PDB file of N, CA and C in Angstrom:
ATOM      1  N   MET A   1       3.905   7.711  20.073  1.00  0.00           N
ATOM      2  CA  MET A   1       4.486   7.674  21.394  1.00  0.00           C
ATOM      3  C   MET A   1       3.379   7.417  22.413  1.00  0.00           C
ATOM      4  N   SER A   2       3.661   6.580  23.334  1.00  0.00           N
ATOM      5  CA  SER A   2       2.708   6.233  24.373  1.00  0.00           C
ATOM      6  C   SER A   2       2.999   7.054  25.623  1.00  0.00           C
ATOM      7  N   THR A   3       1.943   7.488  26.282  1.00  0.00           N
ATOM      8  CA  THR A   3       2.102   8.213  27.530  1.00  0.00           C
ATOM      9  C   THR A   3       1.265   7.539  28.598  1.00  0.00           C
ATOM     10  N   GLU A   4       1.841   7.439  29.765  1.00  0.00           N
ATOM     11  CA  GLU A   4       1.107   6.888  30.895  1.00  0.00           C
ATOM     12  C   GLU A   4       0.779   8.029  31.838  1.00  0.00           C
ATOM     13  N   ILE A   5      -0.505   8.197  32.103  1.00  0.00           N
ATOM     14  CA  ILE A   5      -0.938   9.230  33.036  1.00  0.00           C
ATOM     15  C   ILE A   5      -1.917   8.608  34.017  1.00  0.00           C
ATOM     16  N   SER A   6      -2.208   9.350  35.048  1.00  0.00           N
ATOM     17  CA  SER A   6      -3.100   8.825  36.084  1.00  0.00           C
ATOM     18  C   SER A   6      -4.503   8.625  35.523  1.00  0.00           C
ATOM     19  N   PRO A   7      -5.245   7.686  36.108  1.00  0.00           N
ATOM     20  CA  PRO A   7      -6.632   7.485  35.682  1.00  0.00           C
ATOM     21  C   PRO A   7      -7.466   8.769  35.788  1.00  0.00           C
ATOM     22  N   GLU A   8      -7.203   9.563  36.808  1.00  0.00           N
ATOM     23  CA  GLU A   8      -7.935  10.824  36.983  1.00  0.00           C
ATOM     24  C   GLU A   8      -7.672  11.766  35.800  1.00  0.00           C
ATOM     25  N   ASN A   9      -6.414  11.872  35.393  1.00  0.00           N
ATOM     26  CA  ASN A   9      -6.089  12.737  34.262  1.00  0.00           C
ATOM     27  C   ASN A   9      -6.639  12.167  32.953  1.00  0.00           C
ATOM     28  N   GLU A  10      -6.643  10.865  32.840  1.00  0.00           N
ATOM     29  CA  GLU A  10      -7.199  10.237  31.636  1.00  0.00           C
ATOM     30  C   GLU A  10      -8.690  10.536  31.527  1.00  0.00           C
ATOM     31  N   ARG A  11      -9.405  10.470  32.656  1.00  0.00           N
ATOM     32  CA  ARG A  11     -10.834  10.795  32.652  1.00  0.00           C
ATOM     33  C   ARG A  11     -11.049  12.255  32.275  1.00  0.00           C
ATOM     34  N   PHE A  12     -10.181  13.127  32.779  1.00  0.00           N
ATOM     35  CA  PHE A  12     -10.287  14.547  32.437  1.00  0.00           C
ATOM     36  C   PHE A  12     -10.112  14.750  30.937  1.00  0.00           C
ATOM     37  N   ILE A  13      -9.139  14.096  30.353  1.00  0.00           N
ATOM     38  CA  ILE A  13      -8.901  14.188  28.905  1.00  0.00           C
ATOM     39  C   ILE A  13     -10.135  13.719  28.146  1.00  0.00           C
ATOM     40  N   GLU A  14     -10.689  12.593  28.560  1.00  0.00           N
ATOM     41  CA  GLU A  14     -11.877  12.056  27.897  1.00  0.00           C
ATOM     42  C   GLU A  14     -13.049  13.029  27.981  1.00  0.00           C
ATOM     43  N   LYS A  15     -13.212  13.702  29.132  1.00  0.00           N
ATOM     44  CA  LYS A  15     -14.283  14.687  29.282  1.00  0.00           C
ATOM     45  C   LYS A  15     -14.058  15.881  28.363  1.00  0.00           C
ATOM     46  N   GLN A  16     -12.823  16.312  28.228  1.00  0.00           N
ATOM     47  CA  GLN A  16     -12.513  17.444  27.358  1.00  0.00           C
ATOM     48  C   GLN A  16     -12.855  17.132  25.903  1.00  0.00           C
ATOM     49  N   ILE A  17     -12.582  15.915  25.500  1.00  0.00           N
ATOM     50  CA  ILE A  17     -12.896  15.502  24.128  1.00  0.00           C
ATOM     51  C   ILE A  17     -14.409  15.343  23.962  1.00  0.00           C
ATOM     52  N   ALA A  18     -15.050  14.706  24.943  1.00  0.00           N
ATOM     53  CA  ALA A  18     -16.500  14.489  24.864  1.00  0.00           C
ATOM     54  C   ALA A  18     -17.273  15.804  24.847  1.00  0.00           C
ATOM     55  N   SER A  19     -16.764  16.803  25.541  1.00  0.00           N
ATOM     56  CA  SER A  19     -17.464  18.093  25.594  1.00  0.00           C
ATOM     57  C   SER A  19     -17.215  18.928  24.348  1.00  0.00           C
ATOM     58  N   GLY A  20     -16.278  18.500  23.518  1.00  0.00           N
ATOM     59  CA  GLY A  20     -15.972  19.252  22.308  1.00  0.00           C
ATOM     60  C   GLY A  20     -14.938  20.341  22.503  1.00  0.00           C
ATOM     61  N   THR A  21     -14.409  20.454  23.710  1.00  0.00           N
ATOM     62  CA  THR A  21     -13.381  21.465  23.966  1.00  0.00           C
ATOM     63  C   THR A  21     -12.136  21.178  23.137  1.00  0.00           C
ATOM     64  N   PHE A  22     -11.800  19.900  23.014  1.00  0.00           N
ATOM     65  CA  PHE A  22     -10.674  19.454  22.195  1.00  0.00           C
ATOM     66  C   PHE A  22     -11.141  18.322  21.308  1.00  0.00           C
ATOM     67  N   ARG A  23     -10.478  18.158  20.167  1.00  0.00           N
ATOM     68  CA  ARG A  23     -10.869  17.104  19.228  1.00  0.00           C
ATOM     69  C   ARG A  23     -10.172  15.783  19.522  1.00  0.00           C
ATOM     70  N   THR A  24      -8.919  15.845  19.955  1.00  0.00           N
ATOM     71  CA  THR A  24      -8.158  14.609  20.151  1.00  0.00           C
ATOM     72  C   THR A  24      -7.398  14.651  21.466  1.00  0.00           C
ATOM     73  N   ARG A  25      -6.950  13.479  21.872  1.00  0.00           N
ATOM     74  CA  ARG A  25      -6.125  13.348  23.065  1.00  0.00           C
ATOM     75  C   ARG A  25      -4.852  14.168  22.907  1.00  0.00           C
ATOM     76  N   SER A  26      -4.262  14.140  21.728  1.00  0.00           N
ATOM     77  CA  SER A  26      -3.043  14.906  21.466  1.00  0.00           C
ATOM     78  C   SER A  26      -3.277  16.400  21.646  1.00  0.00           C
ATOM     79  N   ASP A  27      -4.449  16.888  21.206  1.00  0.00           N
ATOM     80  CA  ASP A  27      -4.759  18.312  21.373  1.00  0.00           C
ATOM     81  C   ASP A  27      -4.804  18.693  22.851  1.00  0.00           C
ATOM     82  N   VAL A  28      -5.386  17.823  23.670  1.00  0.00           N
ATOM     83  CA  VAL A  28      -5.461  18.084  25.112  1.00  0.00           C
ATOM     84  C   VAL A  28      -4.054  18.111  25.701  1.00  0.00           C
ATOM     85  N   LEU A  29      -3.262  17.114  25.350  1.00  0.00           N
ATOM     86  CA  LEU A  29      -1.907  17.039  25.900  1.00  0.00           C
ATOM     87  C   LEU A  29      -1.047  18.212  25.423  1.00  0.00           C
ATOM     88  N   ASP A  30      -1.194  18.596  24.156  1.00  0.00           N
ATOM     89  CA  ASP A  30      -0.447  19.749  23.644  1.00  0.00           C
ATOM     90  C   ASP A  30      -0.814  21.017  24.414  1.00  0.00           C
ATOM     91  N   ALA A  31      -2.102  21.190  24.691  1.00  0.00           N
ATOM     92  CA  ALA A  31      -2.548  22.363  25.443  1.00  0.00           C
ATOM     93  C   ALA A  31      -1.952  22.353  26.850  1.00  0.00           C
ATOM     94  N   GLY A  32      -1.897  21.193  27.468  1.00  0.00           N
ATOM     95  CA  GLY A  32      -1.306  21.084  28.797  1.00  0.00           C
ATOM     96  C   GLY A  32       0.172  21.421  28.799  1.00  0.00           C
ATOM     97  N   VAL A  33       0.884  20.918  27.809  1.00  0.00           N
ATOM     98  CA  VAL A  33       2.319  21.207  27.711  1.00  0.00           C
ATOM     99  C   VAL A  33       2.533  22.700  27.448  1.00  0.00           C
ATOM    100  N   GLU A  34       1.692  23.290  26.606  1.00  0.00           N
ATOM    101  CA  GLU A  34       1.811  24.731  26.334  1.00  0.00           C
ATOM    102  C   GLU A  34       1.605  25.536  27.607  1.00  0.00           C
ATOM    103  N   LEU A  35       0.643  25.142  28.444  1.00  0.00           N
ATOM    104  CA  LEU A  35       0.438  25.830  29.715  1.00  0.00           C
ATOM    105  C   LEU A  35       1.660  25.692  30.617  1.00  0.00           C
ATOM    106  N   LEU A  36       2.295  24.528  30.622  1.00  0.00           N
ATOM    107  CA  LEU A  36       3.513  24.353  31.418  1.00  0.00           C
ATOM    108  C   LEU A  36       4.632  25.251  30.904  1.00  0.00           C
ATOM    109  N   ARG A  37       4.743  25.374  29.586  1.00  0.00           N
ATOM    110  CA  ARG A  37       5.743  26.287  29.013  1.00  0.00           C
ATOM    111  C   ARG A  37       5.474  27.717  29.455  1.00  0.00           C
ATOM    112  N   MET A  38       4.216  28.133  29.354  1.00  0.00           N
ATOM    113  CA  MET A  38       3.850  29.496  29.747  1.00  0.00           C
ATOM    114  C   MET A  38       4.131  29.730  31.231  1.00  0.00           C
ATOM    115  N   ARG A  39       3.854  28.734  32.043  1.00  0.00           N
ATOM    116  CA  ARG A  39       4.120  28.823  33.484  1.00  0.00           C
ATOM    117  C   ARG A  39       5.603  28.994  33.739  1.00  0.00           C
ATOM    118  N   ASN A  40       6.421  28.197  33.051  1.00  0.00           N
ATOM    119  CA  ASN A  40       7.873  28.298  33.233  1.00  0.00           C
ATOM    120  C   ASN A  40       8.400  29.651  32.781  1.00  0.00           C
ATOM    121  N   GLU A  41       7.880  30.160  31.661  1.00  0.00           N
ATOM    122  CA  GLU A  41       8.287  31.484  31.195  1.00  0.00           C
ATOM    123  C   GLU A  41       7.911  32.554  32.214  1.00  0.00           C
ATOM    124  N   LEU A  42       6.729  32.442  32.786  1.00  0.00           N
ATOM    125  CA  LEU A  42       6.293  33.401  33.793  1.00  0.00           C
ATOM    126  C   LEU A  42       7.186  33.324  35.029  1.00  0.00           C
ATOM    127  N   LEU A  43       7.488  32.114  35.469  1.00  0.00           N
ATOM    128  CA  LEU A  43       8.377  31.964  36.630  1.00  0.00           C
ATOM    129  C   LEU A  43       9.759  32.537  36.347  1.00  0.00           C
ATOM    130  N   ASP A  44      10.260  32.349  35.116  1.00  0.00           N
ATOM    131  CA  ASP A  44      11.550  32.942  34.743  1.00  0.00           C
ATOM    132  C   ASP A  44      11.485  34.464  34.800  1.00  0.00           C
ATOM    133  N   ARG A  45      10.377  35.025  34.316  1.00  0.00           N
ATOM    134  CA  ARG A  45      10.212  36.481  34.354  1.00  0.00           C
ATOM    135  C   ARG A  45      10.123  36.990  35.786  1.00  0.00           C
ATOM    136  N   ILE A  46       9.454  36.239  36.640  1.00  0.00           N
ATOM    137  CA  ILE A  46       9.367  36.613  38.054  1.00  0.00           C
ATOM    138  C   ILE A  46      10.748  36.568  38.691  1.00  0.00           C
ATOM    139  N   ASP A  47      11.517  35.531  38.395  1.00  0.00           N
ATOM    140  CA  ASP A  47      12.885  35.440  38.931  1.00  0.00           C
ATOM    141  C   ASP A  47      13.729  36.629  38.484  1.00  0.00           C
ATOM    142  N   GLU A  48      13.625  36.989  37.205  1.00  0.00           N
ATOM    143  CA  GLU A  48      14.379  38.128  36.679  1.00  0.00           C
ATOM    144  C   GLU A  48      13.919  39.421  37.349  1.00  0.00           C
ATOM    145  N   SER A  49      12.625  39.563  37.549  1.00  0.00           N
ATOM    146  CA  SER A  49      12.095  40.751  38.217  1.00  0.00           C
ATOM    147  C   SER A  49      12.605  40.842  39.651  1.00  0.00           C
ATOM    148  N   ARG A  50      12.625  39.711  40.317  1.00  0.00           N
ATOM    149  CA  ARG A  50      13.135  39.669  41.695  1.00  0.00           C
ATOM    150  C   ARG A  50      14.607  40.083  41.737  1.00  0.00           C
ATOM    151  N   ARG A  51      15.370  39.593  40.753  1.00  0.00           N
ATOM    152  CA  ARG A  51      16.788  39.940  40.676  1.00  0.00           C
ATOM    153  C   ARG A  51      16.946  41.442  40.473  1.00  0.00           C
ATOM    154  N   GLN A  52      16.116  42.010  39.594  1.00  0.00           N
ATOM    155  CA  GLN A  52      16.184  43.446  39.341  1.00  0.00           C
ATOM    156  C   GLN A  52      15.812  44.242  40.589  1.00  0.00           C
ATOM    157  N   LEU A  53      14.774  43.817  41.291  1.00  0.00           N
ATOM    158  CA  LEU A  53      14.403  44.498  42.531  1.00  0.00           C
ATOM    159  C   LEU A  53      15.535  44.440  43.547  1.00  0.00           C
ATOM    160  N   ASP A  54      16.105  43.253  43.713  1.00  0.00           N
ATOM    161  CA  ASP A  54      17.179  43.075  44.683  1.00  0.00           C
ATOM    162  C   ASP A  54      18.406  43.917  44.355  1.00  0.00           C
ATOM    163  N   SER A  55      18.625  44.174  43.062  1.00  0.00           N
ATOM    164  CA  SER A  55      19.795  44.974  42.668  1.00  0.00           C
ATOM    165  C   SER A  55      19.461  46.464  42.542  1.00  0.00           C
ATOM    166  N   GLY A  56      18.230  46.835  42.886  1.00  0.00           N
ATOM    167  CA  GLY A  56      17.854  48.245  42.881  1.00  0.00           C
ATOM    168  C   GLY A  56      17.422  48.784  41.531  1.00  0.00           C
ATOM    169  N   GLN A  57      17.136  47.909  40.595  1.00  0.00           N
ATOM    170  CA  GLN A  57      16.712  48.334  39.257  1.00  0.00           C
ATOM    171  C   GLN A  57      15.193  48.440  39.199  1.00  0.00           C
ATOM    172  N   TYR A  58      14.672  49.525  39.745  1.00  0.00           N
ATOM    173  CA  TYR A  58      13.233  49.740  39.717  1.00  0.00           C
ATOM    174  C   TYR A  58      12.938  51.224  39.830  1.00  0.00           C
ATOM    175  N   THR A  59      11.699  51.598  39.570  1.00  0.00           N
ATOM    176  CA  THR A  59      11.248  52.982  39.681  1.00  0.00           C
ATOM    177  C   THR A  59      10.151  53.040  40.726  1.00  0.00           C
ATOM    178  N   GLU A  60      10.292  53.964  41.639  1.00  0.00           N
ATOM    179  CA  GLU A  60       9.240  54.158  42.637  1.00  0.00           C
ATOM    180  C   GLU A  60       8.223  55.152  42.107  1.00  0.00           C
ATOM    181  N   TYR A  61       6.952  54.886  42.362  1.00  0.00           N
ATOM    182  CA  TYR A  61       5.861  55.739  41.923  1.00  0.00           C
ATOM    183  C   TYR A  61       5.027  56.160  43.125  1.00  0.00           C
ATOM    184  N   ASP A  62       4.608  57.423  43.137  1.00  0.00           N
ATOM    185  CA  ASP A  62       3.586  57.817  44.095  1.00  0.00           C
ATOM    186  C   ASP A  62       2.240  57.583  43.416  1.00  0.00           C
ATOM    187  N   GLU A  63       1.160  57.843  44.126  1.00  0.00           N
ATOM    188  CA  GLU A  63      -0.163  57.524  43.575  1.00  0.00           C
ATOM    189  C   GLU A  63      -0.436  58.273  42.269  1.00  0.00           C
ATOM    190  N   GLN A  64      -0.039  59.534  42.211  1.00  0.00           N
ATOM    191  CA  GLN A  64      -0.303  60.345  41.020  1.00  0.00           C
ATOM    192  C   GLN A  64       0.508  59.853  39.818  1.00  0.00           C
ATOM    193  N   THR A  65       1.795  59.591  40.006  1.00  0.00           N
ATOM    194  CA  THR A  65       2.606  59.133  38.874  1.00  0.00           C
ATOM    195  C   THR A  65       2.243  57.711  38.466  1.00  0.00           C
ATOM    196  N   LEU A  66       1.805  56.910  39.414  1.00  0.00           N
ATOM    197  CA  LEU A  66       1.365  55.565  39.085  1.00  0.00           C
ATOM    198  C   LEU A  66       0.094  55.618  38.235  1.00  0.00           C
ATOM    199  N   GLN A  67      -0.833  56.473  38.595  1.00  0.00           N
ATOM    200  CA  GLN A  67      -2.064  56.624  37.817  1.00  0.00           C
ATOM    201  C   GLN A  67      -1.734  57.089  36.398  1.00  0.00           C
ATOM    202  N   ARG A  68      -0.809  58.037  36.286  1.00  0.00           N
ATOM    203  CA  ARG A  68      -0.400  58.520  34.968  1.00  0.00           C
ATOM    204  C   ARG A  68       0.226  57.399  34.150  1.00  0.00           C
ATOM    205  N   ARG A  69       1.035  56.569  34.786  1.00  0.00           N
ATOM    206  CA  ARG A  69       1.667  55.435  34.097  1.00  0.00           C
ATOM    207  C   ARG A  69       0.616  54.461  33.595  1.00  0.00           C
ATOM    208  N   PHE A  70      -0.392  54.153  34.414  1.00  0.00           N
ATOM    209  CA  PHE A  70      -1.468  53.255  33.981  1.00  0.00           C
ATOM    210  C   PHE A  70      -2.209  53.834  32.782  1.00  0.00           C
ATOM    211  N   GLU A  71      -2.458  55.126  32.808  1.00  0.00           N
ATOM    212  CA  GLU A  71      -3.153  55.765  31.689  1.00  0.00           C
ATOM    213  C   GLU A  71      -2.314  55.667  30.416  1.00  0.00           C
ATOM    214  N   GLU A  72      -0.997  55.848  30.537  1.00  0.00           N
ATOM    215  CA  GLU A  72      -0.112  55.712  29.374  1.00  0.00           C
ATOM    216  C   GLU A  72      -0.162  54.289  28.813  1.00  0.00           C
ATOM    217  N   LEU A  73      -0.124  53.316  29.705  1.00  0.00           N
ATOM    218  CA  LEU A  73      -0.161  51.915  29.267  1.00  0.00           C
ATOM    219  C   LEU A  73      -1.496  51.575  28.617  1.00  0.00           C
ATOM    220  N   LYS A  74      -2.592  52.082  29.183  1.00  0.00           N
ATOM    221  CA  LYS A  74      -3.906  51.836  28.583  1.00  0.00           C
ATOM    222  C   LYS A  74      -3.989  52.469  27.200  1.00  0.00           C
ATOM    223  N   ALA A  75      -3.471  53.680  27.067  1.00  0.00           N
ATOM    224  CA  ALA A  75      -3.495  54.357  25.771  1.00  0.00           C
ATOM    225  C   ALA A  75      -2.652  53.595  24.759  1.00  0.00           C
ATOM    226  N   ARG A  76      -1.498  53.118  25.175  1.00  0.00           N
ATOM    227  CA  ARG A  76      -0.637  52.356  24.267  1.00  0.00           C
ATOM    228  C   ARG A  76      -1.323  51.061  23.839  1.00  0.00           C
ATOM    229  N   ALA A  77      -1.964  50.374  24.776  1.00  0.00           N
ATOM    230  CA  ALA A  77      -2.671  49.132  24.445  1.00  0.00           C
ATOM    231  C   ALA A  77      -3.827  49.411  23.496  1.00  0.00           C
ATOM    232  N   HIS A  78      -4.532  50.502  23.731  1.00  0.00           N
ATOM    233  CA  HIS A  78      -5.655  50.865  22.859  1.00  0.00           C
ATOM    234  C   HIS A  78      -5.168  51.200  21.459  1.00  0.00           C
ATOM    235  N   ASN A  79      -4.071  51.902  21.365  1.00  0.00           N
ATOM    236  CA  ASN A  79      -3.529  52.312  20.074  1.00  0.00           C
ATOM    237  C   ASN A  79      -2.969  51.153  19.264  1.00  0.00           C
ATOM    238  N   THR A  80      -2.585  50.081  19.936  1.00  0.00           N
ATOM    239  CA  THR A  80      -2.063  48.919  19.216  1.00  0.00           C
ATOM    240  C   THR A  80      -3.137  47.859  19.001  1.00  0.00           C
ATOM    241  N   GLY A  81      -4.365  48.159  19.415  1.00  0.00           N
ATOM    242  CA  GLY A  81      -5.469  47.232  19.184  1.00  0.00           C
ATOM    243  C   GLY A  81      -5.562  46.104  20.184  1.00  0.00           C
ATOM    244  N   HIS A  82      -4.839  46.206  21.307  1.00  0.00           N
ATOM    245  CA  HIS A  82      -4.864  45.135  22.296  1.00  0.00           C
ATOM    246  C   HIS A  82      -5.677  45.492  23.522  1.00  0.00           C
ATOM    247  N   GLY A  83      -6.225  46.657  23.554  1.00  0.00           N
ATOM    248  CA  GLY A  83      -6.982  47.078  24.729  1.00  0.00           C
ATOM    249  C   GLY A  83      -8.469  47.040  24.472  1.00  0.00           C
ATOM    250  N   ALA A  84      -9.214  47.036  25.538  1.00  0.00           N
ATOM    251  CA  ALA A  84     -10.671  47.084  25.452  1.00  0.00           C
ATOM    252  C   ALA A  84     -11.142  48.369  26.072  1.00  0.00           C
ATOM    253  N   LYS A  85     -12.224  48.890  25.554  1.00  0.00           N
ATOM    254  CA  LYS A  85     -12.794  50.116  26.139  1.00  0.00           C
ATOM    255  C   LYS A  85     -13.662  49.788  27.322  1.00  0.00           C
TER     256      LYS A  85
END
């Protein structure tokens, strides 16, 4: 499949390959499309969050309970191997 992109983007792709960041043009384009997918998923999550806020589906935290919540989340991330010390 052939793709037409701007000369500026073509130069960027060539630099990415020349620097060794990516091996092929397809790898660069796949990475770009993946970022667009991630962006769209994030925007969908933001829209859903906005809908929940607007409908009153949220929890209010004071400073103390918010700090406790962060500590719980950090502990959970650490226990699942996704956190850093």
